[in-house]
């Protein structure tokens, strides 16, 4: 992937996250938040369109005329303060356009394992996490992980999603489409005004943790994870360094959930426990699952369905 294409691809990931949030806030009539996101993104949208035009040979299937018409319509709706139309144009045209660009790039490129980036993230994990051992520095053997049922895939937005197998069942940790929106919605559901500390089981690839930290910038977030393979894959294929260097977030490797069990007993009124369901589904030991089943409301209801 050339630097030009890489820049477009990475810029689109952020744009898609911001645009999905903008639609959410427009629909809730939180126009101030929505307009800030939109204003911060318009210039970036223009940059992406100009970059696509400059790389016409690569993006030969993209209709540049419709792109310009889309931008013009969006700016006109913004001038008219027609917030319903703005949300529709962003959701039905702009987001779909950006997704089509991402999918085109994905179809032409391959997932590349960057060993240097992996080692850098592993060192950050050792320096900033709790419970991690030096042996994690060893190069990840992707073939062994694939044999164990783990798999990383590009999603339509350009971020990586993760699949795993447990007890013969395959499942995904994150959506294959709008990952930032899914993570934002989960974090919105977890967010409670006044909560000083969130105790979370399940890191996945960290997207929901990033969104929660942005929604609750004054709160501390403790994240417990039992599966080191998931954490290694996050080091290899995501920007986990942004989480590991965030003083607001503490990542704890807890293979037997002994630390989480002790922490649950110490939870205070201004603290709250939440569980990432796919990570719960990935727990390999029945005893560890029982620790969560004893205190969290939905596991038994799910099993009863």
C-alpha atoms as a PDB file:
ATOM      1  CA  UNK A   1       0.000   0.000   0.000  1.00  0.00           C
ATOM      2  CA  UNK A   2       1.501   3.339  -1.053  1.00  0.00           C
ATOM      3  CA  UNK A   3       1.677   6.227   1.424  1.00  0.00           C
ATOM      4  CA  UNK A   4      -1.028   8.161  -0.486  1.00  0.00           C
ATOM      5  CA  UNK A   5      -3.468   5.258  -0.361  1.00  0.00           C
ATOM      6  CA  UNK A   6      -2.562   4.523   3.265  1.00  0.00           C
ATOM      7  CA  UNK A   7      -3.304   8.149   4.205  1.00  0.00           C
ATOM      8  CA  UNK A   8      -6.714   8.041   2.507  1.00  0.00           C
ATOM      9  CA  UNK A   9      -7.506   4.714   4.170  1.00  0.00           C
ATOM     10  CA  UNK A  10      -6.546   5.852   7.674  1.00  0.00           C
ATOM     11  CA  UNK A  11      -8.250   9.249   7.310  1.00  0.00           C
ATOM     12  CA  UNK A  12     -11.454   7.501   6.244  1.00  0.00           C
ATOM     13  CA  UNK A  13     -11.447   5.368   9.400  1.00  0.00           C
ATOM     14  CA  UNK A  14     -11.574   8.498  11.562  1.00  0.00           C
ATOM     15  CA  UNK A  15     -14.077  10.181   9.250  1.00  0.00           C
ATOM     16  CA  UNK A  16     -16.445   7.216   9.441  1.00  0.00           C
ATOM     17  CA  UNK A  17     -16.263   7.192  13.214  1.00  0.00           C
ATOM     18  CA  UNK A  18     -16.962  10.919  13.458  1.00  0.00           C
ATOM     19  CA  UNK A  19     -19.748  10.878  10.856  1.00  0.00           C
ATOM     20  CA  UNK A  20     -21.576   8.009  12.552  1.00  0.00           C
ATOM     21  CA  UNK A  21     -21.404   9.901  15.836  1.00  0.00           C
ATOM     22  CA  UNK A  22     -22.669  13.057  14.116  1.00  0.00           C
ATOM     23  CA  UNK A  23     -25.723  11.194  12.789  1.00  0.00           C
ATOM     24  CA  UNK A  24     -26.388   9.832  16.284  1.00  0.00           C
ATOM     25  CA  UNK A  25     -26.258  13.339  17.800  1.00  0.00           C
ATOM     26  CA  UNK A  26     -28.399  14.865  15.024  1.00  0.00           C
ATOM     27  CA  UNK A  27     -31.070  12.219  15.654  1.00  0.00           C
ATOM     28  CA  UNK A  28     -31.004  13.007  19.381  1.00  0.00           C
ATOM     29  CA  UNK A  29     -31.204  16.760  18.641  1.00  0.00           C
ATOM     30  CA  UNK A  30     -27.835  17.353  20.270  1.00  0.00           C
ATOM     31  CA  UNK A  31     -27.035  19.720  17.429  1.00  0.00           C
ATOM     32  CA  UNK A  32     -24.037  21.392  19.063  1.00  0.00           C
ATOM     33  CA  UNK A  33     -22.123  18.110  19.290  1.00  0.00           C
ATOM     34  CA  UNK A  34     -23.204  17.024  15.816  1.00  0.00           C
ATOM     35  CA  UNK A  35     -22.220  20.322  14.158  1.00  0.00           C
ATOM     36  CA  UNK A  36     -18.793  20.328  15.803  1.00  0.00           C
ATOM     37  CA  UNK A  37     -18.100  16.856  14.410  1.00  0.00           C
ATOM     38  CA  UNK A  38     -19.409  17.887  10.994  1.00  0.00           C
ATOM     39  CA  UNK A  39     -17.395  21.122  10.898  1.00  0.00           C
ATOM     40  CA  UNK A  40     -14.214  19.293  11.845  1.00  0.00           C
ATOM     41  CA  UNK A  41     -14.801  16.749   9.087  1.00  0.00           C
ATOM     42  CA  UNK A  42     -15.810  18.827   6.054  1.00  0.00           C
ATOM     43  CA  UNK A  43     -12.256  19.870   5.164  1.00  0.00           C
ATOM     44  CA  UNK A  44     -11.093  16.287   5.604  1.00  0.00           C
ATOM     45  CA  UNK A  45     -13.833  15.062   3.262  1.00  0.00           C
ATOM     46  CA  UNK A  46     -12.645  17.578   0.642  1.00  0.00           C
ATOM     47  CA  UNK A  47      -9.063  16.363   1.128  1.00  0.00           C
ATOM     48  CA  UNK A  48     -10.117  12.747   0.600  1.00  0.00           C
ATOM     49  CA  UNK A  49     -12.028  13.638  -2.576  1.00  0.00           C
ATOM     50  CA  UNK A  50      -9.059  15.599  -3.948  1.00  0.00           C
ATOM     51  CA  UNK A  51      -6.725  12.702  -3.114  1.00  0.00           C
ATOM     52  CA  UNK A  52      -9.023  10.262  -4.905  1.00  0.00           C
ATOM     53  CA  UNK A  53      -9.093  12.494  -7.988  1.00  0.00           C
ATOM     54  CA  UNK A  54      -5.271  12.651  -7.959  1.00  0.00           C
ATOM     55  CA  UNK A  55      -5.139   8.845  -7.767  1.00  0.00           C
ATOM     56  CA  UNK A  56      -7.720   8.266 -10.518  1.00  0.00           C
ATOM     57  CA  UNK A  57      -6.018   5.178 -11.873  1.00  0.00           C
ATOM     58  CA  UNK A  58      -6.313   3.415  -8.494  1.00  0.00           C
ATOM     59  CA  UNK A  59      -9.871   4.663  -7.872  1.00  0.00           C
ATOM     60  CA  UNK A  60     -11.057   4.164 -11.442  1.00  0.00           C
ATOM     61  CA  UNK A  61     -14.459   2.822 -10.310  1.00  0.00           C
ATOM     62  CA  UNK A  62     -15.296   5.900  -8.207  1.00  0.00           C
ATOM     63  CA  UNK A  63     -17.735   8.457  -9.669  1.00  0.00           C
ATOM     64  CA  UNK A  64     -16.059  11.793  -8.889  1.00  0.00           C
ATOM     65  CA  UNK A  65     -19.034  13.812 -10.167  1.00  0.00           C
ATOM     66  CA  UNK A  66     -21.400  12.250  -7.637  1.00  0.00           C
ATOM     67  CA  UNK A  67     -18.841  12.920  -4.900  1.00  0.00           C
ATOM     68  CA  UNK A  68     -18.825  16.642  -5.654  1.00  0.00           C
ATOM     69  CA  UNK A  69     -22.638  16.745  -5.862  1.00  0.00           C
ATOM     70  CA  UNK A  70     -22.816  15.020  -2.482  1.00  0.00           C
ATOM     71  CA  UNK A  71     -20.515  17.597  -0.890  1.00  0.00           C
ATOM     72  CA  UNK A  72     -22.462  20.495  -2.430  1.00  0.00           C
ATOM     73  CA  UNK A  73     -25.779  19.112  -1.148  1.00  0.00           C
ATOM     74  CA  UNK A  74     -24.336  18.660   2.327  1.00  0.00           C
ATOM     75  CA  UNK A  75     -23.035  22.229   2.477  1.00  0.00           C
ATOM     76  CA  UNK A  76     -26.379  23.612   1.251  1.00  0.00           C
ATOM     77  CA  UNK A  77     -28.294  21.669   3.912  1.00  0.00           C
ATOM     78  CA  UNK A  78     -25.840  22.979   6.507  1.00  0.00           C
ATOM     79  CA  UNK A  79     -26.466  26.590   5.386  1.00  0.00           C
ATOM     80  CA  UNK A  80     -30.224  25.991   5.673  1.00  0.00           C
ATOM     81  CA  UNK A  81     -29.754  24.399   9.102  1.00  0.00           C
ATOM     82  CA  UNK A  82     -31.853  21.472   7.876  1.00  0.00           C
ATOM     83  CA  UNK A  83     -30.552  19.024  10.439  1.00  0.00           C
ATOM     84  CA  UNK A  84     -32.834  16.181   9.375  1.00  0.00           C
ATOM     85  CA  UNK A  85     -31.551  16.399   5.804  1.00  0.00           C
ATOM     86  CA  UNK A  86     -27.937  16.737   6.959  1.00  0.00           C
ATOM     87  CA  UNK A  87     -28.244  13.520   8.970  1.00  0.00           C
ATOM     88  CA  UNK A  88     -29.822  11.737   5.992  1.00  0.00           C
ATOM     89  CA  UNK A  89     -27.131  12.917   3.578  1.00  0.00           C
ATOM     90  CA  UNK A  90     -24.351  11.918   5.948  1.00  0.00           C
ATOM     91  CA  UNK A  91     -25.889   8.525   6.721  1.00  0.00           C
ATOM     92  CA  UNK A  92     -27.146   7.544   3.270  1.00  0.00           C
ATOM     93  CA  UNK A  93     -24.566   9.168   1.009  1.00  0.00           C
ATOM     94  CA  UNK A  94     -21.352  10.237   2.720  1.00  0.00           C
ATOM     95  CA  UNK A  95     -20.931   7.195   4.972  1.00  0.00           C
ATOM     96  CA  UNK A  96     -21.807   4.801   2.146  1.00  0.00           C
ATOM     97  CA  UNK A  97     -19.332   6.605  -0.116  1.00  0.00           C
ATOM     98  CA  UNK A  98     -16.524   6.314   2.449  1.00  0.00           C
ATOM     99  CA  UNK A  99     -17.352   2.633   3.014  1.00  0.00           C
ATOM    100  CA  UNK A 100     -17.138   1.992  -0.741  1.00  0.00           C
ATOM    101  CA  UNK A 101     -13.679   3.597  -0.810  1.00  0.00           C
ATOM    102  CA  UNK A 102     -12.508   1.460   2.103  1.00  0.00           C
ATOM    103  CA  UNK A 103     -13.851  -1.720   0.523  1.00  0.00           C
ATOM    104  CA  UNK A 104     -12.155  -0.888  -2.787  1.00  0.00           C
ATOM    105  CA  UNK A 105      -8.801  -0.410  -1.032  1.00  0.00           C
ATOM    106  CA  UNK A 106      -9.264  -3.611   0.988  1.00  0.00           C
ATOM    107  CA  UNK A 107      -9.996  -5.548  -2.201  1.00  0.00           C
ATOM    108  CA  UNK A 108      -6.670  -4.418  -3.657  1.00  0.00           C
ATOM    109  CA  UNK A 109      -4.461  -4.766  -0.582  1.00  0.00           C
ATOM    110  CA  UNK A 110      -3.441  -7.484   1.883  1.00  0.00           C
ATOM    111  CA  UNK A 111      -3.342  -7.596   5.673  1.00  0.00           C
ATOM    112  CA  UNK A 112       0.294  -7.031   6.594  1.00  0.00           C
ATOM    113  CA  UNK A 113       1.783  -8.144   9.908  1.00  0.00           C
ATOM    114  CA  UNK A 114       4.137  -5.362  10.997  1.00  0.00           C
ATOM    115  CA  UNK A 115       6.569  -7.083  13.370  1.00  0.00           C
ATOM    116  CA  UNK A 116       8.213  -3.823  14.476  1.00  0.00           C
ATOM    117  CA  UNK A 117       4.863  -2.287  15.396  1.00  0.00           C
ATOM    118  CA  UNK A 118       3.954  -5.488  17.223  1.00  0.00           C
ATOM    119  CA  UNK A 119       7.149  -5.437  19.288  1.00  0.00           C
ATOM    120  CA  UNK A 120       6.668  -1.745  20.085  1.00  0.00           C
ATOM    121  CA  UNK A 121       3.137  -2.400  21.339  1.00  0.00           C
ATOM    122  CA  UNK A 122       4.262  -5.430  23.360  1.00  0.00           C
ATOM    123  CA  UNK A 123       6.855  -3.284  25.133  1.00  0.00           C
ATOM    124  CA  UNK A 124       4.138  -0.711  25.884  1.00  0.00           C
ATOM    125  CA  UNK A 125       2.029  -3.544  27.274  1.00  0.00           C
ATOM    126  CA  UNK A 126       4.869  -4.632  29.556  1.00  0.00           C
ATOM    127  CA  UNK A 127       5.590  -1.065  30.677  1.00  0.00           C
ATOM    128  CA  UNK A 128       2.025   0.091  31.251  1.00  0.00           C
ATOM    129  CA  UNK A 129      -0.072  -3.030  31.864  1.00  0.00           C
ATOM    130  CA  UNK A 130      -0.385  -5.257  34.922  1.00  0.00           C
ATOM    131  CA  UNK A 131       0.345  -8.989  35.035  1.00  0.00           C
ATOM    132  CA  UNK A 132       2.249  -9.263  31.743  1.00  0.00           C
ATOM    133  CA  UNK A 133       5.426 -11.335  31.407  1.00  0.00           C
ATOM    134  CA  UNK A 134       8.551 -10.815  29.320  1.00  0.00           C
ATOM    135  CA  UNK A 135       7.843 -13.910  27.217  1.00  0.00           C
ATOM    136  CA  UNK A 136       5.154 -11.891  25.397  1.00  0.00           C
ATOM    137  CA  UNK A 137       8.026 -10.213  23.537  1.00  0.00           C
ATOM    138  CA  UNK A 138       8.451 -13.374  21.460  1.00  0.00           C
ATOM    139  CA  UNK A 139       7.217 -13.088  17.892  1.00  0.00           C
ATOM    140  CA  UNK A 140       3.580 -14.039  17.541  1.00  0.00           C
ATOM    141  CA  UNK A 141       3.077 -17.314  15.640  1.00  0.00           C
ATOM    142  CA  UNK A 142       0.013 -16.491  13.551  1.00  0.00           C
ATOM    143  CA  UNK A 143      -0.258 -20.043  12.165  1.00  0.00           C
ATOM    144  CA  UNK A 144      -0.753 -21.435  15.672  1.00  0.00           C
ATOM    145  CA  UNK A 145      -3.429 -18.836  16.413  1.00  0.00           C
ATOM    146  CA  UNK A 146      -5.258 -19.696  13.194  1.00  0.00           C
ATOM    147  CA  UNK A 147      -5.186 -23.370  14.147  1.00  0.00           C
ATOM    148  CA  UNK A 148      -6.723 -22.417  17.497  1.00  0.00           C
ATOM    149  CA  UNK A 149      -9.615 -20.657  15.760  1.00  0.00           C
ATOM    150  CA  UNK A 150      -8.502 -17.023  15.988  1.00  0.00           C
ATOM    151  CA  UNK A 151      -8.770 -14.855  12.896  1.00  0.00           C
ATOM    152  CA  UNK A 152      -8.465 -11.142  12.153  1.00  0.00           C
ATOM    153  CA  UNK A 153     -10.364  -9.592   9.253  1.00  0.00           C
ATOM    154  CA  UNK A 154     -10.789  -6.161   7.735  1.00  0.00           C
ATOM    155  CA  UNK A 155     -14.193  -4.648   8.431  1.00  0.00           C
ATOM    156  CA  UNK A 156     -15.900  -2.386   5.894  1.00  0.00           C
ATOM    157  CA  UNK A 157     -14.797   0.735   7.767  1.00  0.00           C
ATOM    158  CA  UNK A 158     -11.134  -0.280   7.568  1.00  0.00           C
ATOM    159  CA  UNK A 159     -10.544  -1.323  11.171  1.00  0.00           C
ATOM    160  CA  UNK A 160      -9.806  -4.915  12.075  1.00  0.00           C
ATOM    161  CA  UNK A 161     -12.349  -7.217  13.651  1.00  0.00           C
ATOM    162  CA  UNK A 162     -11.581 -10.467  15.444  1.00  0.00           C
ATOM    163  CA  UNK A 163     -13.158 -13.918  15.359  1.00  0.00           C
ATOM    164  CA  UNK A 164     -12.498 -16.837  17.704  1.00  0.00           C
ATOM    165  CA  UNK A 165     -13.769 -20.296  18.520  1.00  0.00           C
ATOM    166  CA  UNK A 166     -14.718 -21.703  21.909  1.00  0.00           C
ATOM    167  CA  UNK A 167     -16.515 -24.969  22.667  1.00  0.00           C
ATOM    168  CA  UNK A 168     -16.866 -25.546  18.929  1.00  0.00           C
ATOM    169  CA  UNK A 169     -18.645 -22.246  18.293  1.00  0.00           C
ATOM    170  CA  UNK A 170     -17.260 -19.417  16.158  1.00  0.00           C
ATOM    171  CA  UNK A 171     -18.113 -15.825  17.107  1.00  0.00           C
ATOM    172  CA  UNK A 172     -17.001 -12.244  16.418  1.00  0.00           C
ATOM    173  CA  UNK A 173     -15.773  -9.696  18.948  1.00  0.00           C
ATOM    174  CA  UNK A 174     -16.738  -6.665  16.837  1.00  0.00           C
ATOM    175  CA  UNK A 175     -18.999  -5.905  13.909  1.00  0.00           C
ATOM    176  CA  UNK A 176     -17.810  -6.342  10.314  1.00  0.00           C
ATOM    177  CA  UNK A 177     -19.156  -2.915   9.375  1.00  0.00           C
ATOM    178  CA  UNK A 178     -19.266   0.265  11.494  1.00  0.00           C
ATOM    179  CA  UNK A 179     -16.907  -0.673  14.339  1.00  0.00           C
ATOM    180  CA  UNK A 180     -16.594   2.845  15.853  1.00  0.00           C
ATOM    181  CA  UNK A 181     -20.394   3.208  15.886  1.00  0.00           C
ATOM    182  CA  UNK A 182     -20.896  -0.181  17.534  1.00  0.00           C
ATOM    183  CA  UNK A 183     -18.259   0.665  20.140  1.00  0.00           C
ATOM    184  CA  UNK A 184     -19.746   4.119  20.690  1.00  0.00           C
ATOM    185  CA  UNK A 185     -23.242   2.691  21.218  1.00  0.00           C
ATOM    186  CA  UNK A 186     -21.966   0.158  23.754  1.00  0.00           C
ATOM    187  CA  UNK A 187     -19.975   2.819  25.582  1.00  0.00           C
ATOM    188  CA  UNK A 188     -23.043   5.112  25.611  1.00  0.00           C
ATOM    189  CA  UNK A 189     -25.026   2.322  27.225  1.00  0.00           C
ATOM    190  CA  UNK A 190     -22.345   1.804  29.866  1.00  0.00           C
ATOM    191  CA  UNK A 191     -21.732   5.492  30.543  1.00  0.00           C
ATOM    192  CA  UNK A 192     -23.207   6.862  33.766  1.00  0.00           C
ATOM    193  CA  UNK A 193     -22.767  10.448  34.847  1.00  0.00           C
ATOM    194  CA  UNK A 194     -20.933  10.635  38.146  1.00  0.00           C
ATOM    195  CA  UNK A 195     -19.225   7.265  37.854  1.00  0.00           C
ATOM    196  CA  UNK A 196     -15.623   7.647  38.937  1.00  0.00           C
ATOM    197  CA  UNK A 197     -14.318   4.248  37.897  1.00  0.00           C
ATOM    198  CA  UNK A 198     -15.407   1.626  35.376  1.00  0.00           C
ATOM    199  CA  UNK A 199     -14.395  -1.976  35.994  1.00  0.00           C
ATOM    200  CA  UNK A 200     -14.625  -3.788  32.643  1.00  0.00           C
ATOM    201  CA  UNK A 201     -14.144  -7.428  31.763  1.00  0.00           C
ATOM    202  CA  UNK A 202     -13.159  -7.949  28.129  1.00  0.00           C
ATOM    203  CA  UNK A 203     -10.692  -5.983  26.029  1.00  0.00           C
ATOM    204  CA  UNK A 204     -11.408  -7.433  22.585  1.00  0.00           C
ATOM    205  CA  UNK A 205      -9.493  -5.161  20.217  1.00  0.00           C
ATOM    206  CA  UNK A 206     -10.121  -2.195  22.511  1.00  0.00           C
ATOM    207  CA  UNK A 207     -12.586  -0.133  20.470  1.00  0.00           C
ATOM    208  CA  UNK A 208     -15.266   0.052  23.190  1.00  0.00           C
ATOM    209  CA  UNK A 209     -12.602   1.028  25.730  1.00  0.00           C
ATOM    210  CA  UNK A 210     -11.466   3.957  23.576  1.00  0.00           C
ATOM    211  CA  UNK A 211     -15.036   5.192  23.143  1.00  0.00           C
ATOM    212  CA  UNK A 212     -15.790   4.913  26.869  1.00  0.00           C
ATOM    213  CA  UNK A 213     -12.644   6.886  27.734  1.00  0.00           C
ATOM    214  CA  UNK A 214     -13.809   9.681  25.395  1.00  0.00           C
ATOM    215  CA  UNK A 215     -17.329   9.754  26.829  1.00  0.00           C
ATOM    216  CA  UNK A 216     -16.088   9.718  30.432  1.00  0.00           C
ATOM    217  CA  UNK A 217     -12.769  11.629  30.364  1.00  0.00           C
ATOM    218  CA  UNK A 218     -12.791  12.234  34.126  1.00  0.00           C
ATOM    219  CA  UNK A 219     -13.294   8.570  35.064  1.00  0.00           C
ATOM    220  CA  UNK A 220     -10.723   5.820  35.510  1.00  0.00           C
ATOM    221  CA  UNK A 221     -11.152   2.585  33.543  1.00  0.00           C
ATOM    222  CA  UNK A 222      -9.835  -0.799  34.685  1.00  0.00           C
ATOM    223  CA  UNK A 223      -9.922  -3.468  31.981  1.00  0.00           C
ATOM    224  CA  UNK A 224      -9.455  -7.139  32.865  1.00  0.00           C
ATOM    225  CA  UNK A 225      -8.667  -9.710  30.161  1.00  0.00           C
ATOM    226  CA  UNK A 226      -8.005 -13.455  30.502  1.00  0.00           C
ATOM    227  CA  UNK A 227      -6.911 -14.309  26.952  1.00  0.00           C
ATOM    228  CA  UNK A 228      -3.349 -13.275  26.090  1.00  0.00           C
ATOM    229  CA  UNK A 229      -3.895 -14.323  22.451  1.00  0.00           C
ATOM    230  CA  UNK A 230      -6.505 -11.581  22.065  1.00  0.00           C
ATOM    231  CA  UNK A 231      -4.112  -9.036  23.528  1.00  0.00           C
ATOM    232  CA  UNK A 232      -1.293 -10.165  21.226  1.00  0.00           C
ATOM    233  CA  UNK A 233      -3.561  -9.820  18.198  1.00  0.00           C
ATOM    234  CA  UNK A 234      -4.545  -6.348  19.357  1.00  0.00           C
ATOM    235  CA  UNK A 235      -0.839  -5.466  19.569  1.00  0.00           C
ATOM    236  CA  UNK A 236      -0.318  -6.746  16.035  1.00  0.00           C
ATOM    237  CA  UNK A 237      -3.304  -5.270  14.221  1.00  0.00           C
ATOM    238  CA  UNK A 238      -4.644  -2.230  16.099  1.00  0.00           C
ATOM    239  CA  UNK A 239      -3.482   1.103  17.501  1.00  0.00           C
ATOM    240  CA  UNK A 240      -3.428  -0.338  21.032  1.00  0.00           C
ATOM    241  CA  UNK A 241      -0.574   2.022  21.935  1.00  0.00           C
ATOM    242  CA  UNK A 242      -3.079   4.888  22.230  1.00  0.00           C
ATOM    243  CA  UNK A 243      -4.870   2.930  24.956  1.00  0.00           C
ATOM    244  CA  UNK A 244      -1.726   1.719  26.723  1.00  0.00           C
ATOM    245  CA  UNK A 245      -0.312   5.245  27.020  1.00  0.00           C
ATOM    246  CA  UNK A 246      -3.599   6.741  28.235  1.00  0.00           C
ATOM    247  CA  UNK A 247      -3.216   7.365  32.012  1.00  0.00           C
ATOM    248  CA  UNK A 248      -6.982   7.056  32.359  1.00  0.00           C
ATOM    249  CA  UNK A 249      -6.907   3.352  31.405  1.00  0.00           C
ATOM    250  CA  UNK A 250      -5.362   0.407  33.257  1.00  0.00           C
ATOM    251  CA  UNK A 251      -5.110  -2.914  31.375  1.00  0.00           C
ATOM    252  CA  UNK A 252      -4.802  -6.025  33.545  1.00  0.00           C
ATOM    253  CA  UNK A 253      -3.969  -9.550  32.375  1.00  0.00           C
ATOM    254  CA  UNK A 254      -5.937 -11.881  34.640  1.00  0.00           C
ATOM    255  CA  UNK A 255      -5.976 -15.452  33.213  1.00  0.00           C
ATOM    256  CA  UNK A 256      -7.861 -17.024  36.111  1.00  0.00           C
ATOM    257  CA  UNK A 257      -9.971 -13.924  36.897  1.00  0.00           C
ATOM    258  CA  UNK A 258      -8.702 -14.021  40.466  1.00  0.00           C
ATOM    259  CA  UNK A 259      -7.921 -10.300  40.424  1.00  0.00           C
ATOM    260  CA  UNK A 260     -11.333  -9.488  38.938  1.00  0.00           C
ATOM    261  CA  UNK A 261     -13.099 -11.638  41.539  1.00  0.00           C
ATOM    262  CA  UNK A 262     -11.322  -9.768  44.334  1.00  0.00           C
ATOM    263  CA  UNK A 263     -12.016  -6.417  42.662  1.00  0.00           C
ATOM    264  CA  UNK A 264     -15.738  -7.170  42.342  1.00  0.00           C
ATOM    265  CA  UNK A 265     -15.948  -7.613  46.119  1.00  0.00           C
ATOM    266  CA  UNK A 266     -14.412  -4.158  46.600  1.00  0.00           C
ATOM    267  CA  UNK A 267     -16.595  -2.178  44.177  1.00  0.00           C
ATOM    268  CA  UNK A 268     -17.835   1.086  45.695  1.00  0.00           C
ATOM    269  CA  UNK A 269     -20.962   3.133  45.062  1.00  0.00           C
ATOM    270  CA  UNK A 270     -19.218   5.446  42.586  1.00  0.00           C
ATOM    271  CA  UNK A 271     -17.825   2.485  40.621  1.00  0.00           C
ATOM    272  CA  UNK A 272     -19.573   0.190  38.144  1.00  0.00           C
ATOM    273  CA  UNK A 273     -18.906  -3.239  36.598  1.00  0.00           C
ATOM    274  CA  UNK A 274     -19.555  -4.013  32.921  1.00  0.00           C
ATOM    275  CA  UNK A 275     -18.824  -7.066  30.765  1.00  0.00           C
ATOM    276  CA  UNK A 276     -18.061  -7.210  27.039  1.00  0.00           C
ATOM    277  CA  UNK A 277     -20.227 -10.148  25.939  1.00  0.00           C
ATOM    278  CA  UNK A 278     -18.001 -11.627  23.173  1.00  0.00           C
ATOM    279  CA  UNK A 279     -15.091 -11.598  25.636  1.00  0.00           C
ATOM    280  CA  UNK A 280     -17.292 -13.390  28.170  1.00  0.00           C
ATOM    281  CA  UNK A 281     -18.170 -15.941  25.489  1.00  0.00           C
ATOM    282  CA  UNK A 282     -14.432 -16.417  24.886  1.00  0.00           C
ATOM    283  CA  UNK A 283     -13.675 -17.372  28.523  1.00  0.00           C
ATOM    284  CA  UNK A 284     -12.218 -20.881  28.410  1.00  0.00           C
ATOM    285  CA  UNK A 285     -12.861 -22.090  31.964  1.00  0.00           C
ATOM    286  CA  UNK A 286     -16.233 -22.755  33.581  1.00  0.00           C
ATOM    287  CA  UNK A 287     -14.981 -21.580  36.975  1.00  0.00           C
ATOM    288  CA  UNK A 288     -13.947 -18.235  35.482  1.00  0.00           C
ATOM    289  CA  UNK A 289     -17.336 -17.817  33.796  1.00  0.00           C
ATOM    290  CA  UNK A 290     -19.057 -18.536  37.096  1.00  0.00           C
ATOM    291  CA  UNK A 291     -17.291 -15.543  38.653  1.00  0.00           C
ATOM    292  CA  UNK A 292     -19.110 -13.258  36.221  1.00  0.00           C
ATOM    293  CA  UNK A 293     -22.357 -15.254  36.268  1.00  0.00           C
ATOM    294  CA  UNK A 294     -22.613 -14.699  40.025  1.00  0.00           C
ATOM    295  CA  UNK A 295     -22.697 -10.906  39.776  1.00  0.00           C
ATOM    296  CA  UNK A 296     -23.697  -9.868  36.258  1.00  0.00           C
ATOM    297  CA  UNK A 297     -27.372  -9.916  35.235  1.00  0.00           C
ATOM    298  CA  UNK A 298     -27.435 -11.212  31.674  1.00  0.00           C
ATOM    299  CA  UNK A 299     -25.459 -14.502  31.454  1.00  0.00           C
ATOM    300  CA  UNK A 300     -28.240 -16.660  32.920  1.00  0.00           C
ATOM    301  CA  UNK A 301     -30.907 -14.937  30.816  1.00  0.00           C
ATOM    302  CA  UNK A 302     -28.881 -15.629  27.671  1.00  0.00           C
ATOM    303  CA  UNK A 303     -28.397 -19.269  28.523  1.00  0.00           C
ATOM    304  CA  UNK A 304     -32.144 -19.620  29.093  1.00  0.00           C
ATOM    305  CA  UNK A 305     -33.013 -18.403  25.563  1.00  0.00           C
END
